Amino acid sequence: MNEQNRPTRKGSEKSSVSPLVTLLACLLTGLVVFLATFFSLTGYYGSEIEDYRTNYVKRPEKYDVGLLEAALGLLDTTSLFDLPDKAELTEAMIEAAIAAMGDRYGTFFTDAEYASYSSDLAGDFVGIGVTLQKDADGNALIVLVHAGSPAETSGLLAGDALVSVDGIAFSDGYDEAFDAIVGEAGSTVEIGYLRGGVPSNVTVTRAPIEKQTVVSRIEHYGDSEIGYVYISGFDGHTFDQFKAAVSELETAGVDALIFDVRSNGGGLLSSVGQVLAYLLPDGMIAYVDYRSESLSDYTISAENGYVKTGSATPVLYCEGGHEITVPAVVLVNGKTASAAELFTASLRDYADPAYASEAGIAPLDVAVFGTVTYGKGTVQTTYSVGGGNYLKLTLARYNPPTNVNYDGVGIIPARTIGLTEDEEAISVYLRNRDNDPQLAAALAYLDEKVNP
């Protein structure tokens, strides 16, 4: 026993203080300490406590927990059918709430699903580095071999049709064979494929892949050299790839540019913001308008080589800034959505003489060709909701420089040009002026611009 904890007694001496008084004093002291601690913590963590009360306590005016428990109890004990397990039932109820709210883009993720989703947005994955499209025979047609990928090193080419993966035939189960391509970095996979109808096999070693979302080339049309840039999505690597592509085309001295965002479903707002900053004069890029009053609206703009996003630290995109100075066409279709629509609308707005005059700049020479776009002008954010689960929900609209939202409406091209069903079936990566009337029209228009 330690010296300071040893009990002491002085003979038969008795305390002169009543036990009741001692008890009351202890209770009073405890109450004072509790109140002092409570008000101190409430003051220090006031916003967190209020946030908890506002967002996480039961909301009887919003949903009837008692009714829900009664219904589930009856289903569990009486129904001919079995309730799913706890995790599956919880997910189903959350998904039902999202659907009932009309949030077309809201999603509930498990940990594994969120990891895959995040990896896709970042633009990183492990595989062999190909973009595939199901063909008429049920095989997987390679439409793009990613630069520097194991597929490229192994000699696979765009136009090859993958028949099997480790013996799993695409024609027997496309999704199963597709999923089998992915595996651990350093592991190998046996690929069976057709080239010109001739079967062959190759062993490919999987590796980390930086997804290629930008493909470019020079189109020689009439007396013009026109730079073509296809953007399949806006992820964590898109801006660097886009900047490199445009810089190379400008160095080559192209007379005009085509930006193809057909079948581009969107991606990161930060990514498209940087891409637009690289193309546009200094000024407004987008307005983000939240529904909730607890969240602050903000703007995205470009100034002297920096992208400014609300109160966040500005991000350098190009020393001294940059903007396009040649005529351009943006190609769109009904699958052009979200960030790709912001890309289109922003270029269109800066080409509008009225907006350019208001902004005090010369209008860009940009036209939009194709068909009406999808019509998604909203922002989604993903929150952790505990237990390794995540919830993606729609919480804001983002508007182009003229501040006119296109959600549910889409963007109407300056020149509407449709495609036949057979032309639509051809991957954008495999199209050319002979099988793509939209591309052919853009080339002819720009050639006339450059050489009237």
Protein backbone atom coordinates (compact mmCIF):
# COMPACT_ATOMS: atom_id res chain seq x y z
CA MET A 1 0.00 0.00 0.00
CA ASN A 2 1.35 3.39 -0.88
CA GLU A 3 2.17 5.81 1.86
CA GLN A 4 -0.29 8.49 0.74
CA ASN A 5 -3.22 6.05 0.68
CA ARG A 6 -2.75 4.67 4.17
CA PRO A 7 -5.77 5.35 6.48
CA THR A 8 -5.19 7.35 9.70
CA ARG A 9 -6.95 7.24 13.08
CA LYS A 10 -6.35 9.29 16.23
CA GLY A 11 -7.35 6.94 19.08
CA SER A 12 -11.07 7.04 19.75
CA GLU A 13 -11.44 10.67 18.49
CA LYS A 14 -14.79 11.28 16.73
CA SER A 15 -15.56 13.74 13.95
CA SER A 16 -17.53 16.79 14.93
CA VAL A 17 -19.24 16.97 11.47
CA SER A 18 -22.59 15.25 10.98
CA PRO A 19 -22.62 12.47 8.32
CA LEU A 20 -25.74 14.08 6.76
CA VAL A 21 -23.96 17.41 6.36
CA THR A 22 -20.99 15.65 4.74
CA LEU A 23 -23.27 13.84 2.30
CA LEU A 24 -25.06 17.07 1.33
CA ALA A 25 -21.74 18.83 0.83
CA CYS A 26 -20.52 16.06 -1.46
CA LEU A 27 -23.72 16.15 -3.49
CA LEU A 28 -23.55 19.94 -3.83
CA THR A 29 -19.90 19.80 -4.89
CA GLY A 30 -20.69 17.12 -7.49
CA LEU A 31 -23.59 19.17 -8.87
CA VAL A 32 -21.42 22.28 -9.19
CA VAL A 33 -18.69 20.31 -10.97
CA PHE A 34 -21.24 18.70 -13.31
CA LEU A 35 -22.89 22.01 -14.23
CA ALA A 36 -19.56 23.71 -14.76
CA THR A 37 -18.37 20.85 -16.96
CA PHE A 38 -21.66 20.72 -18.90
CA PHE A 39 -21.77 24.43 -19.70
CA SER A 40 -18.07 24.44 -20.51
CA LEU A 41 -18.42 21.54 -22.98
CA THR A 42 -21.62 22.98 -24.42
CA GLY A 43 -19.86 26.26 -25.09
CA TYR A 44 -16.78 24.60 -26.55
CA TYR A 45 -18.59 22.00 -28.66
CA GLY A 46 -21.77 23.97 -29.23
CA SER A 47 -21.81 23.72 -33.01
CA GLU A 48 -21.10 19.97 -32.98
CA ILE A 49 -23.85 19.32 -30.42
CA GLU A 50 -26.33 21.43 -32.36
CA ASP A 51 -25.37 19.66 -35.59
CA TYR A 52 -26.04 16.31 -33.90
CA ARG A 53 -29.40 17.45 -32.57
CA THR A 54 -30.40 18.85 -35.94
CA ASN A 55 -29.33 16.03 -38.18
CA TYR A 56 -29.17 12.78 -36.25
CA VAL A 57 -31.85 12.67 -33.54
CA LYS A 58 -35.20 11.11 -34.34
CA ARG A 59 -37.43 13.39 -36.39
CA PRO A 60 -41.06 12.34 -35.68
CA GLU A 61 -42.36 15.02 -38.06
CA LYS A 62 -40.32 13.42 -40.86
CA TYR A 63 -40.77 9.69 -40.32
CA ASP A 64 -42.74 7.35 -38.05
CA VAL A 65 -40.23 5.06 -36.33
CA GLY A 66 -42.97 3.32 -34.34
CA LEU A 67 -44.92 2.40 -37.47
CA LEU A 68 -41.75 1.20 -39.16
CA GLU A 69 -40.84 -1.01 -36.19
CA ALA A 70 -44.38 -2.41 -35.96
CA ALA A 71 -44.51 -3.22 -39.67
CA LEU A 72 -41.07 -4.86 -39.68
CA GLY A 73 -41.93 -6.84 -36.53
CA LEU A 74 -45.10 -8.17 -38.13
CA LEU A 75 -43.28 -9.03 -41.35
CA ASP A 76 -40.57 -10.81 -39.41
CA THR A 77 -42.89 -12.93 -37.27
CA THR A 78 -45.91 -13.54 -39.52
CA SER A 79 -45.04 -13.30 -43.20
CA LEU A 80 -44.66 -16.41 -45.34
CA PHE A 81 -41.39 -14.86 -46.53
CA ASP A 82 -38.18 -14.14 -44.64
CA LEU A 83 -36.80 -10.67 -44.07
CA PRO A 84 -33.35 -10.17 -45.59
CA ASP A 85 -30.43 -9.86 -43.20
CA LYS A 86 -29.91 -6.64 -41.27
CA ALA A 87 -27.38 -5.08 -43.67
CA GLU A 88 -29.43 -5.88 -46.77
CA LEU A 89 -32.68 -4.63 -45.23
CA THR A 90 -31.09 -1.39 -44.04
CA GLU A 91 -29.62 -0.75 -47.48
CA ALA A 92 -32.98 -1.44 -49.14
CA MET A 93 -34.77 1.03 -46.86
CA ILE A 94 -32.20 3.76 -47.50
CA GLU A 95 -32.36 3.17 -51.26
CA ALA A 96 -36.18 3.32 -51.06
CA ALA A 97 -35.98 6.68 -49.25
CA ILE A 98 -33.61 8.03 -51.93
CA ALA A 99 -35.97 6.88 -54.68
CA ALA A 100 -39.04 8.31 -52.92
CA MET A 101 -37.28 11.69 -52.69
CA GLY A 102 -36.71 11.65 -56.43
CA ASP A 103 -32.93 11.87 -56.15
CA ARG A 104 -31.92 10.12 -59.37
CA TYR A 105 -28.24 10.30 -58.50
CA GLY A 106 -28.33 9.38 -54.81
CA THR A 107 -26.68 6.06 -53.90
CA PHE A 108 -25.93 3.97 -50.83
CA PHE A 109 -22.45 2.42 -50.90
CA THR A 110 -20.92 -0.39 -48.91
CA ASP A 111 -17.23 0.01 -48.12
CA ALA A 112 -16.17 -2.08 -51.13
CA GLU A 113 -18.56 -0.28 -53.47
CA TYR A 114 -17.33 3.10 -52.30
CA ALA A 115 -13.70 2.06 -52.79
CA SER A 116 -14.48 1.13 -56.40
CA TYR A 117 -16.42 4.37 -56.94
CA SER A 118 -13.59 6.49 -55.48
CA SER A 119 -11.00 4.69 -57.56
CA ASP A 120 -13.00 5.38 -60.71
CA LEU A 121 -13.27 9.10 -59.91
CA ALA A 122 -9.56 9.24 -59.15
CA GLY A 123 -8.83 7.58 -62.50
CA ASP A 124 -6.79 4.70 -61.04
CA PHE A 125 -7.34 0.95 -61.22
CA VAL A 126 -5.45 -2.34 -61.48
CA GLY A 127 -5.87 -4.31 -64.69
CA ILE A 128 -4.44 -4.62 -68.19
CA GLY A 129 -5.44 -1.16 -69.52
CA VAL A 130 -8.16 -1.52 -72.14
CA THR A 131 -11.54 0.09 -72.78
CA LEU A 132 -14.08 -2.46 -74.02
CA GLN A 133 -17.43 -2.52 -75.81
CA LYS A 134 -19.67 -5.57 -76.18
CA ASP A 135 -19.88 -6.63 -79.82
CA ALA A 136 -22.61 -8.42 -81.79
CA ASP A 137 -21.09 -11.84 -81.01
CA GLY A 138 -21.08 -11.23 -77.27
CA ASN A 139 -17.31 -10.74 -77.16
CA ALA A 140 -15.50 -7.65 -75.79
CA LEU A 141 -14.19 -5.40 -78.54
CA ILE A 142 -11.14 -3.33 -77.58
CA VAL A 143 -11.91 0.29 -78.50
CA LEU A 144 -8.93 1.83 -76.71
CA VAL A 145 -5.61 0.51 -75.47
CA HIS A 146 -4.39 2.85 -72.73
CA ALA A 147 -1.00 4.41 -73.36
CA GLY A 148 1.84 2.66 -71.52
CA SER A 149 -0.44 -0.11 -70.25
CA PRO A 150 0.34 -3.86 -69.99
CA ALA A 151 -2.12 -4.43 -72.86
CA GLU A 152 -0.06 -2.14 -75.09
CA THR A 153 3.18 -3.81 -74.03
CA SER A 154 1.64 -7.23 -74.76
CA GLY A 155 0.71 -6.18 -78.30
CA LEU A 156 -3.07 -5.98 -77.96
CA LEU A 157 -4.65 -3.49 -80.39
CA ALA A 158 -7.85 -1.51 -80.74
CA GLY A 159 -10.16 -3.64 -82.88
CA ASP A 160 -9.13 -6.93 -81.27
CA ALA A 161 -12.09 -8.85 -79.83
CA LEU A 162 -11.48 -10.47 -76.45
CA VAL A 163 -13.01 -13.95 -76.41
CA SER A 164 -12.02 -15.23 -72.97
CA VAL A 165 -10.25 -14.33 -69.73
CA ASP A 166 -8.53 -17.17 -67.87
CA GLY A 167 -10.79 -19.60 -69.73
CA ILE A 168 -14.02 -17.73 -68.95
CA ALA A 169 -15.75 -17.00 -72.26
CA PHE A 170 -17.41 -13.60 -72.75
CA SER A 171 -20.16 -15.28 -74.79
CA ASP A 172 -21.04 -17.51 -71.80
CA GLY A 173 -21.05 -14.73 -69.21
CA TYR A 174 -19.94 -11.27 -70.26
CA ASP A 175 -19.94 -9.70 -66.79
CA GLU A 176 -18.11 -12.64 -65.22
CA ALA A 177 -15.40 -12.55 -67.88
CA PHE A 178 -15.17 -8.75 -67.67
CA ASP A 179 -14.70 -8.85 -63.89
CA ALA A 180 -12.00 -11.50 -64.24
CA ILE A 181 -9.71 -9.00 -65.99
CA VAL A 182 -9.20 -7.16 -62.71
CA GLY A 183 -6.83 -8.63 -60.13
CA GLU A 184 -3.82 -7.91 -57.99
CA ALA A 185 -0.90 -5.97 -59.42
CA GLY A 186 1.82 -8.36 -60.58
CA SER A 187 -0.55 -11.27 -61.19
CA THR A 188 -1.03 -12.64 -64.70
CA VAL A 189 -4.13 -13.24 -66.78
CA GLU A 190 -4.57 -15.35 -69.93
CA ILE A 191 -6.40 -13.44 -72.66
CA GLY A 192 -7.96 -15.18 -75.67
CA TYR A 193 -8.74 -12.85 -78.56
CA LEU A 194 -9.57 -12.58 -82.24
CA ARG A 195 -7.71 -10.35 -84.68
CA GLY A 196 -9.17 -10.30 -88.15
CA GLY A 197 -11.08 -13.45 -87.25
CA VAL A 198 -7.89 -15.33 -86.35
CA PRO A 199 -7.78 -16.66 -82.73
CA SER A 200 -4.78 -16.04 -80.53
CA ASN A 201 -3.74 -15.97 -76.86
CA VAL A 202 -1.52 -13.74 -74.78
CA THR A 203 -0.49 -13.69 -71.12
CA VAL A 204 -0.70 -10.20 -69.62
CA THR A 205 0.67 -9.06 -66.25
CA ARG A 206 -1.74 -6.83 -64.39
CA ALA A 207 -0.48 -3.46 -63.16
CA PRO A 208 -1.77 -0.17 -61.71
CA ILE A 209 -3.32 1.86 -64.53
CA GLU A 210 -3.85 5.59 -64.93
CA LYS A 211 -7.11 5.73 -66.87
CA GLN A 212 -6.76 7.50 -70.19
CA THR A 213 -9.70 9.92 -70.48
CA VAL A 214 -8.18 12.11 -73.22
CA VAL A 215 -7.34 11.01 -76.75
CA SER A 216 -6.12 13.45 -79.43
CA ARG A 217 -5.02 13.56 -83.04
CA ILE A 218 -4.69 15.93 -86.00
CA GLU A 219 -7.31 15.74 -88.75
CA HIS A 220 -6.20 16.97 -92.19
CA TYR A 221 -9.29 18.37 -93.89
CA GLY A 222 -9.20 20.48 -97.05
CA ASP A 223 -6.45 23.03 -96.54
CA SER A 224 -6.77 22.89 -92.74
CA GLU A 225 -5.12 21.01 -89.92
CA ILE A 226 -7.69 20.57 -87.16
CA GLY A 227 -6.89 19.27 -83.70
CA TYR A 228 -9.32 16.67 -82.36
CA VAL A 229 -9.60 16.01 -78.60
CA TYR A 230 -11.94 13.39 -77.17
CA ILE A 231 -12.69 13.56 -73.42
CA SER A 232 -14.43 10.45 -72.07
CA GLY A 233 -14.81 11.74 -68.48
CA PHE A 234 -13.42 14.16 -65.91
CA ASP A 235 -11.38 12.33 -63.26
CA GLY A 236 -8.26 13.00 -61.23
CA HIS A 237 -5.94 12.67 -64.25
CA THR A 238 -8.03 14.36 -66.95
CA PHE A 239 -6.64 17.87 -66.63
CA ASP A 240 -2.99 16.83 -66.96
CA GLN A 241 -3.81 14.65 -69.98
CA PHE A 242 -5.95 17.42 -71.53
CA LYS A 243 -3.33 20.12 -71.01
CA ALA A 244 -0.65 17.92 -72.59
CA ALA A 245 -2.89 17.12 -75.58
CA VAL A 246 -3.91 20.71 -76.29
CA SER A 247 -0.37 21.98 -75.77
CA GLU A 248 0.94 19.42 -78.29
CA LEU A 249 -1.72 20.40 -80.84
CA GLU A 250 -1.01 24.10 -80.39
CA THR A 251 2.73 23.48 -80.79
CA ALA A 252 1.94 21.65 -84.04
CA GLY A 253 0.16 24.81 -85.21
CA VAL A 254 -3.38 23.48 -85.75
CA ASP A 255 -5.84 25.93 -87.33
CA ALA A 256 -8.86 24.92 -85.23
CA LEU A 257 -9.97 22.52 -82.49
CA ILE A 258 -12.74 19.97 -81.94
CA PHE A 259 -13.64 19.03 -78.37
CA ASP A 260 -15.66 15.82 -78.38
CA VAL A 261 -17.63 15.13 -75.17
CA ARG A 262 -20.18 12.74 -76.67
CA SER A 263 -21.09 9.95 -74.23
CA ASN A 264 -19.09 11.73 -71.51
CA GLY A 265 -21.12 11.19 -68.33
CA GLY A 266 -19.25 13.82 -66.28
CA GLY A 267 -17.05 13.37 -63.23
CA LEU A 268 -15.27 15.70 -60.83
CA LEU A 269 -16.27 19.37 -60.66
CA SER A 270 -12.69 20.22 -59.72
CA SER A 271 -11.40 18.47 -62.85
CA VAL A 272 -13.72 20.19 -65.32
CA GLY A 273 -13.01 23.48 -63.54
CA GLN A 274 -9.31 23.18 -64.31
CA VAL A 275 -9.96 22.15 -67.92
CA LEU A 276 -12.26 25.15 -68.46
CA ALA A 277 -9.81 27.51 -66.78
CA TYR A 278 -7.21 26.36 -69.32
CA LEU A 279 -9.52 27.16 -72.25
CA LEU A 280 -11.39 30.28 -71.13
CA PRO A 281 -10.29 33.87 -70.53
CA ASP A 282 -10.01 34.90 -66.88
CA GLY A 283 -13.47 35.05 -65.33
CA MET A 284 -16.41 33.00 -64.12
CA ILE A 285 -16.56 29.25 -64.67
CA ALA A 286 -19.53 28.13 -62.54
CA TYR A 287 -21.88 29.01 -59.70
CA VAL A 288 -22.67 26.35 -57.09
CA ASP A 289 -26.08 26.91 -55.46
CA TYR A 290 -26.96 24.80 -52.37
CA ARG A 291 -30.50 24.10 -51.28
CA SER A 292 -29.60 23.99 -47.59
CA GLU A 293 -29.12 27.34 -45.86
CA SER A 294 -26.48 25.73 -43.64
CA LEU A 295 -24.18 25.37 -46.67
CA SER A 296 -22.66 28.40 -48.35
CA ASP A 297 -23.03 28.93 -52.10
CA TYR A 298 -19.76 29.57 -53.90
CA THR A 299 -18.28 30.36 -57.30
CA ILE A 300 -15.52 28.81 -59.40
CA SER A 301 -13.45 31.23 -61.45
CA ALA A 302 -10.08 31.59 -63.19
CA GLU A 303 -7.57 34.37 -62.62
CA ASN A 304 -3.98 34.66 -63.85
CA GLY A 305 -3.35 30.94 -64.00
CA TYR A 306 -5.22 29.99 -60.84
CA VAL A 307 -8.57 28.30 -60.28
CA LYS A 308 -10.46 29.85 -57.37
CA THR A 309 -13.11 27.67 -55.72
CA GLY A 310 -15.02 29.47 -52.99
CA SER A 311 -12.82 30.08 -49.98
CA ALA A 312 -10.49 27.16 -50.77
CA THR A 313 -6.82 27.79 -51.56
CA PRO A 314 -6.48 28.70 -55.28
CA VAL A 315 -5.00 25.95 -57.47
CA LEU A 316 -2.39 26.76 -60.10
CA TYR A 317 -3.35 25.33 -63.49
CA CYS A 318 -0.98 27.20 -65.79
CA GLU A 319 1.74 29.74 -65.04
CA GLY A 320 0.47 33.09 -66.33
CA GLY A 321 -2.82 31.62 -67.58
CA HIS A 322 -3.92 30.25 -70.96
CA GLU A 323 -6.88 30.44 -73.37
CA ILE A 324 -7.78 29.12 -76.80
CA THR A 325 -7.49 31.58 -79.68
CA VAL A 326 -8.59 29.42 -82.63
CA PRO A 327 -12.12 28.50 -83.80
CA ALA A 328 -13.56 25.44 -82.08
CA VAL A 329 -16.53 23.06 -82.15
CA VAL A 330 -17.89 21.06 -79.20
CA LEU A 331 -19.53 17.75 -80.16
CA VAL A 332 -22.33 16.53 -77.86
CA ASN A 333 -25.11 13.93 -77.71
CA GLY A 334 -27.82 12.68 -75.38
CA LYS A 335 -25.22 10.95 -73.19
CA THR A 336 -23.25 14.14 -72.62
CA ALA A 337 -24.05 14.84 -68.97
CA SER A 338 -23.13 16.66 -65.77
CA ALA A 339 -19.56 18.04 -65.83
CA ALA A 340 -19.44 17.50 -69.61
CA GLU A 341 -22.51 19.73 -69.93
CA LEU A 342 -20.85 22.39 -67.78
CA PHE A 343 -17.85 22.16 -70.12
CA THR A 344 -20.14 22.68 -73.11
CA ALA A 345 -22.28 25.42 -71.58
CA SER A 346 -19.29 27.43 -70.36
CA LEU A 347 -17.63 27.46 -73.78
CA ARG A 348 -20.98 28.36 -75.36
CA ASP A 349 -21.50 31.22 -72.90
CA TYR A 350 -18.07 32.72 -73.56
CA ALA A 351 -18.90 32.61 -77.29
CA ASP A 352 -22.11 34.60 -76.67
CA PRO A 353 -21.47 38.24 -77.69
CA ALA A 354 -23.90 39.52 -75.04
CA TYR A 355 -22.16 37.65 -72.21
CA ALA A 356 -18.69 38.53 -73.53
CA SER A 357 -19.65 42.23 -73.65
CA GLU A 358 -20.96 42.07 -70.10
CA ALA A 359 -17.73 40.35 -68.97
CA GLY A 360 -15.61 42.88 -70.86
CA ILE A 361 -13.88 40.31 -73.10
CA ALA A 362 -13.80 39.36 -76.77
CA PRO A 363 -16.17 36.43 -77.49
CA LEU A 364 -14.67 33.03 -78.23
CA ASP A 365 -15.29 31.48 -81.64
CA VAL A 366 -17.00 28.28 -80.43
CA ALA A 367 -20.05 26.41 -81.76
CA VAL A 368 -21.89 23.35 -80.39
CA PHE A 369 -22.83 20.53 -82.81
CA GLY A 370 -24.74 17.28 -82.24
CA THR A 371 -27.95 16.48 -80.36
CA VAL A 372 -29.55 17.77 -77.14
CA THR A 373 -27.53 16.79 -74.07
CA TYR A 374 -28.75 14.74 -71.09
CA GLY A 375 -29.71 17.58 -68.73
CA LYS A 376 -27.91 17.05 -65.39
CA GLY A 377 -26.93 20.27 -63.67
CA THR A 378 -26.62 19.07 -60.08
CA VAL A 379 -23.83 18.31 -57.62
CA GLN A 380 -23.51 15.14 -55.54
CA THR A 381 -21.45 14.69 -52.37
CA THR A 382 -20.69 11.46 -50.52
CA TYR A 383 -20.83 11.22 -46.72
CA SER A 384 -19.66 8.47 -44.38
CA VAL A 385 -22.68 7.21 -42.41
CA GLY A 386 -20.87 4.73 -40.19
CA GLY A 387 -20.27 1.01 -40.26
CA GLY A 388 -18.12 1.30 -43.38
CA ASN A 389 -21.08 2.62 -45.37
CA TYR A 390 -21.45 5.80 -47.43
CA LEU A 391 -24.32 7.86 -48.80
CA LYS A 392 -24.09 9.91 -51.99
CA LEU A 393 -26.80 12.54 -52.28
CA THR A 394 -27.67 15.52 -54.42
CA LEU A 395 -27.26 18.78 -52.53
CA ALA A 396 -26.68 21.60 -55.04
CA ARG A 397 -27.05 22.87 -58.58
CA TYR A 398 -24.16 24.21 -60.60
CA ASN A 399 -24.73 26.80 -63.26
CA PRO A 400 -22.53 27.94 -66.16
CA PRO A 401 -21.25 31.54 -66.45
CA THR A 402 -24.61 32.98 -67.56
CA ASN A 403 -26.07 31.40 -64.38
CA VAL A 404 -28.83 29.59 -66.34
CA ASN A 405 -29.21 26.00 -65.15
CA TYR A 406 -29.90 23.23 -67.68
CA ASP A 407 -30.97 20.46 -65.29
CA GLY A 408 -33.82 18.45 -66.81
CA VAL A 409 -33.56 20.48 -70.02
CA GLY A 410 -30.17 19.83 -71.57
CA ILE A 411 -28.14 22.00 -73.91
CA ILE A 412 -29.49 22.57 -77.42
CA PRO A 413 -26.71 22.57 -80.06
CA ALA A 414 -26.32 25.47 -82.47
CA ARG A 415 -26.44 22.87 -85.24
CA THR A 416 -28.45 19.69 -84.65
CA ILE A 417 -27.01 16.65 -86.43
CA GLY A 418 -28.31 13.17 -85.68
CA LEU A 419 -26.82 9.73 -86.24
CA THR A 420 -28.40 6.54 -87.51
CA GLU A 421 -28.75 3.57 -85.15
CA ASP A 422 -25.80 1.85 -86.83
CA GLU A 423 -23.63 4.98 -86.53
CA GLU A 424 -24.57 5.35 -82.85
CA ALA A 425 -23.46 1.76 -82.22
CA ILE A 426 -19.89 2.56 -83.28
CA SER A 427 -17.66 3.53 -80.35
CA VAL A 428 -16.54 7.15 -80.38
CA TYR A 429 -12.96 5.83 -80.34
CA LEU A 430 -13.51 4.02 -83.65
CA ARG A 431 -15.35 6.78 -85.51
CA ASN A 432 -13.95 8.82 -88.37
CA ARG A 433 -15.27 11.32 -90.90
CA ASP A 434 -16.62 8.48 -93.09
CA ASN A 435 -18.84 6.86 -90.43
CA ASP A 436 -19.51 9.93 -88.24
CA PRO A 437 -21.65 12.72 -89.81
CA GLN A 438 -21.27 14.89 -86.67
CA LEU A 439 -17.48 14.82 -86.88
CA ALA A 440 -17.59 15.35 -90.66
CA ALA A 441 -19.85 18.41 -90.23
CA ALA A 442 -17.52 19.90 -87.60
CA LEU A 443 -14.49 19.41 -89.84
CA ALA A 444 -16.21 21.02 -92.83
CA TYR A 445 -17.45 23.95 -90.73
CA LEU A 446 -14.03 24.66 -89.25
CA ASP A 447 -12.27 24.32 -92.60
CA GLU A 448 -14.65 26.92 -94.01
CA LYS A 449 -13.92 29.14 -91.00
CA VAL A 450 -10.18 28.91 -91.52
CA ASN A 451 -10.23 28.99 -95.33
CA PRO A 452 -13.40 30.90 -96.39
